[in-house]
């Protein structure tokens, strides 16, 4: 999550040629050996609805986690490809012209917290705006 992006919106697939899709790597925090467990950051990042994003409150009984950062001494990252199809069962699919919301409500005390957490205290949330609907790209080529 970028501190310098105060509106928390990232445009993806903008200006790409057909069948070219952007990717984002979510890189988990890592710490050197010897760091106390209680000092290490741990997060679960969820794909949520706009309402859940706006309120920093996960209401879905079975929320979709996209990254679990719970091993602070090991380099871990999760790659998201912004394409409208995925060969992996249960994988994320991103439709052109849609917005996708991601938050982490984890707190220092509770990795699995569903309300507030770092979403509220540290603005750990981001919107990916997937470009473009087919009619948008056709209008641009005229």
Protein backbone atom coordinates (compact mmCIF):
# COMPACT_ATOMS: atom_id res chain seq x y z
CA UNK A 1 0.00 0.00 0.00
CA UNK A 2 1.48 3.29 -1.07
CA UNK A 3 1.61 6.16 1.43
CA UNK A 4 2.03 8.77 -1.33
CA UNK A 5 -1.20 7.72 -3.06
CA UNK A 6 -3.71 9.58 -0.89
CA UNK A 7 -6.75 8.61 -2.94
CA UNK A 8 -5.72 4.93 -2.89
CA UNK A 9 -6.64 4.40 -6.56
CA UNK A 10 -4.42 2.65 -9.08
CA UNK A 11 -5.37 2.47 -12.76
CA UNK A 12 -4.47 -0.83 -14.44
CA UNK A 13 -4.50 -2.07 -18.04
CA UNK A 14 -4.55 1.52 -19.27
CA UNK A 15 -3.00 1.91 -22.72
CA UNK A 16 -2.27 -1.81 -23.07
CA UNK A 17 -2.52 -3.64 -26.37
CA UNK A 18 -5.16 -6.43 -26.62
CA UNK A 19 -4.34 -9.44 -24.43
CA UNK A 20 -1.66 -7.52 -22.51
CA UNK A 21 -2.50 -7.30 -18.80
CA UNK A 22 -0.85 -5.48 -15.92
CA UNK A 23 0.34 -7.31 -12.81
CA UNK A 24 0.85 -6.22 -9.22
CA UNK A 25 3.06 -7.94 -6.67
CA UNK A 26 1.93 -7.70 -3.07
CA UNK A 27 5.14 -8.05 -1.07
CA UNK A 28 4.76 -9.08 2.55
CA UNK A 29 6.82 -7.35 5.26
CA UNK A 30 9.97 -9.29 6.16
CA UNK A 31 12.18 -9.08 9.23
CA UNK A 32 15.65 -10.34 10.08
CA UNK A 33 16.02 -13.37 12.33
CA UNK A 34 16.00 -12.34 15.96
CA UNK A 35 13.19 -9.82 15.55
CA UNK A 36 10.62 -10.42 18.27
CA UNK A 37 7.44 -12.02 16.97
CA UNK A 38 5.30 -9.28 18.54
CA UNK A 39 7.26 -6.61 16.60
CA UNK A 40 6.65 -8.23 13.20
CA UNK A 41 3.79 -7.03 11.01
CA UNK A 42 1.32 -9.64 9.77
CA UNK A 43 -1.61 -9.05 7.46
CA UNK A 44 -4.42 -10.69 5.56
CA UNK A 45 -5.49 -8.76 2.47
CA UNK A 46 -9.07 -9.21 1.30
CA UNK A 47 -10.91 -8.48 -1.95
CA UNK A 48 -14.07 -6.73 -0.72
CA UNK A 49 -17.16 -4.82 -1.82
CA UNK A 50 -17.19 -1.02 -2.11
CA UNK A 51 -19.25 -0.77 1.09
CA UNK A 52 -16.76 -2.94 3.00
CA UNK A 53 -13.93 -0.82 1.58
CA UNK A 54 -15.61 2.45 2.59
CA UNK A 55 -16.38 1.27 6.13
CA UNK A 56 -13.26 -0.89 6.79
CA UNK A 57 -15.68 -3.59 7.91
CA UNK A 58 -15.80 -7.08 6.39
CA UNK A 59 -19.40 -8.29 6.47
CA UNK A 60 -19.13 -11.23 4.07
CA UNK A 61 -19.22 -14.49 6.04
CA UNK A 62 -16.61 -16.01 3.71
CA UNK A 63 -14.41 -13.12 2.59
CA UNK A 64 -12.01 -13.64 -0.29
CA UNK A 65 -8.43 -13.40 0.94
CA UNK A 66 -5.87 -12.59 -1.75
CA UNK A 67 -2.75 -12.60 0.42
CA UNK A 68 -1.86 -13.97 3.83
CA UNK A 69 1.32 -12.40 5.18
CA UNK A 70 1.92 -14.43 8.33
CA UNK A 71 5.54 -15.57 8.00
CA UNK A 72 7.56 -12.42 8.74
CA UNK A 73 10.98 -14.10 8.51
CA UNK A 74 10.47 -15.42 4.98
CA UNK A 75 10.15 -13.45 1.73
CA UNK A 76 6.63 -13.90 0.42
CA UNK A 77 4.77 -12.16 -2.35
CA UNK A 78 1.51 -12.61 -4.19
CA UNK A 79 1.04 -11.70 -7.85
CA UNK A 80 -2.27 -10.40 -9.15
CA UNK A 81 -2.79 -10.41 -12.94
CA UNK A 82 -5.53 -8.06 -14.11
CA UNK A 83 -7.07 -10.24 -16.79
CA UNK A 84 -10.72 -11.12 -17.46
CA UNK A 85 -10.07 -14.86 -17.26
CA UNK A 86 -7.86 -17.13 -15.22
CA UNK A 87 -6.72 -20.70 -15.83
CA UNK A 88 -6.65 -21.31 -12.08
CA UNK A 89 -9.82 -22.54 -10.36
CA UNK A 90 -11.01 -19.93 -7.88
CA UNK A 91 -8.56 -17.35 -9.24
CA UNK A 92 -9.38 -13.66 -9.44
CA UNK A 93 -10.86 -12.32 -12.67
CA UNK A 94 -10.97 -8.61 -13.49
CA UNK A 95 -13.52 -7.24 -15.94
CA UNK A 96 -12.77 -4.09 -17.96
CA UNK A 97 -14.47 -0.96 -16.65
CA UNK A 98 -14.89 -2.36 -13.13
CA UNK A 99 -13.35 -1.31 -9.81
CA UNK A 100 -11.88 -3.84 -7.37
CA UNK A 101 -11.40 -3.11 -3.68
CA UNK A 102 -8.73 -4.51 -1.35
CA UNK A 103 -8.28 -3.91 2.37
CA UNK A 104 -6.49 -5.31 5.39
CA UNK A 105 -8.40 -5.17 8.66
CA UNK A 106 -5.66 -7.05 10.52
CA UNK A 107 -4.34 -5.41 13.66
CA UNK A 108 -1.22 -5.98 15.71
CA UNK A 109 -3.30 -7.95 18.20
CA UNK A 110 -5.51 -9.90 15.76
CA UNK A 111 -4.49 -11.09 12.29
CA UNK A 112 -8.07 -12.22 11.56
CA UNK A 113 -9.82 -9.06 12.72
CA UNK A 114 -12.77 -8.09 10.46
CA UNK A 115 -13.45 -4.50 11.59
CA UNK A 116 -11.14 -1.49 11.47
CA UNK A 117 -7.59 -2.66 12.03
CA UNK A 118 -4.91 -1.27 9.72
CA UNK A 119 -7.59 -0.28 7.20
CA UNK A 120 -8.81 2.36 9.66
CA UNK A 121 -5.59 3.20 11.51
CA UNK A 122 -3.12 3.18 8.58
CA UNK A 123 -5.37 3.46 5.50
CA UNK A 124 -4.38 -0.01 4.29
CA UNK A 125 -6.78 -0.07 1.40
CA UNK A 126 -6.55 0.32 -2.35
CA UNK A 127 -8.84 0.42 -5.39
CA UNK A 128 -7.75 -1.02 -8.72
CA UNK A 129 -9.64 0.58 -11.61
CA UNK A 130 -9.48 -1.81 -14.55
CA UNK A 131 -9.40 -0.09 -17.93
CA UNK A 132 -11.17 -0.27 -20.38
CA UNK A 133 -14.54 -1.31 -21.62
CA UNK A 134 -14.45 -2.35 -25.30
CA UNK A 135 -16.45 0.74 -26.32
CA UNK A 136 -13.83 2.96 -24.62
CA UNK A 137 -10.96 1.52 -26.66
CA UNK A 138 -12.95 1.71 -29.91
CA UNK A 139 -13.72 5.40 -29.34
CA UNK A 140 -10.03 6.13 -28.71
CA UNK A 141 -8.92 4.52 -31.97
CA UNK A 142 -11.10 6.79 -34.17
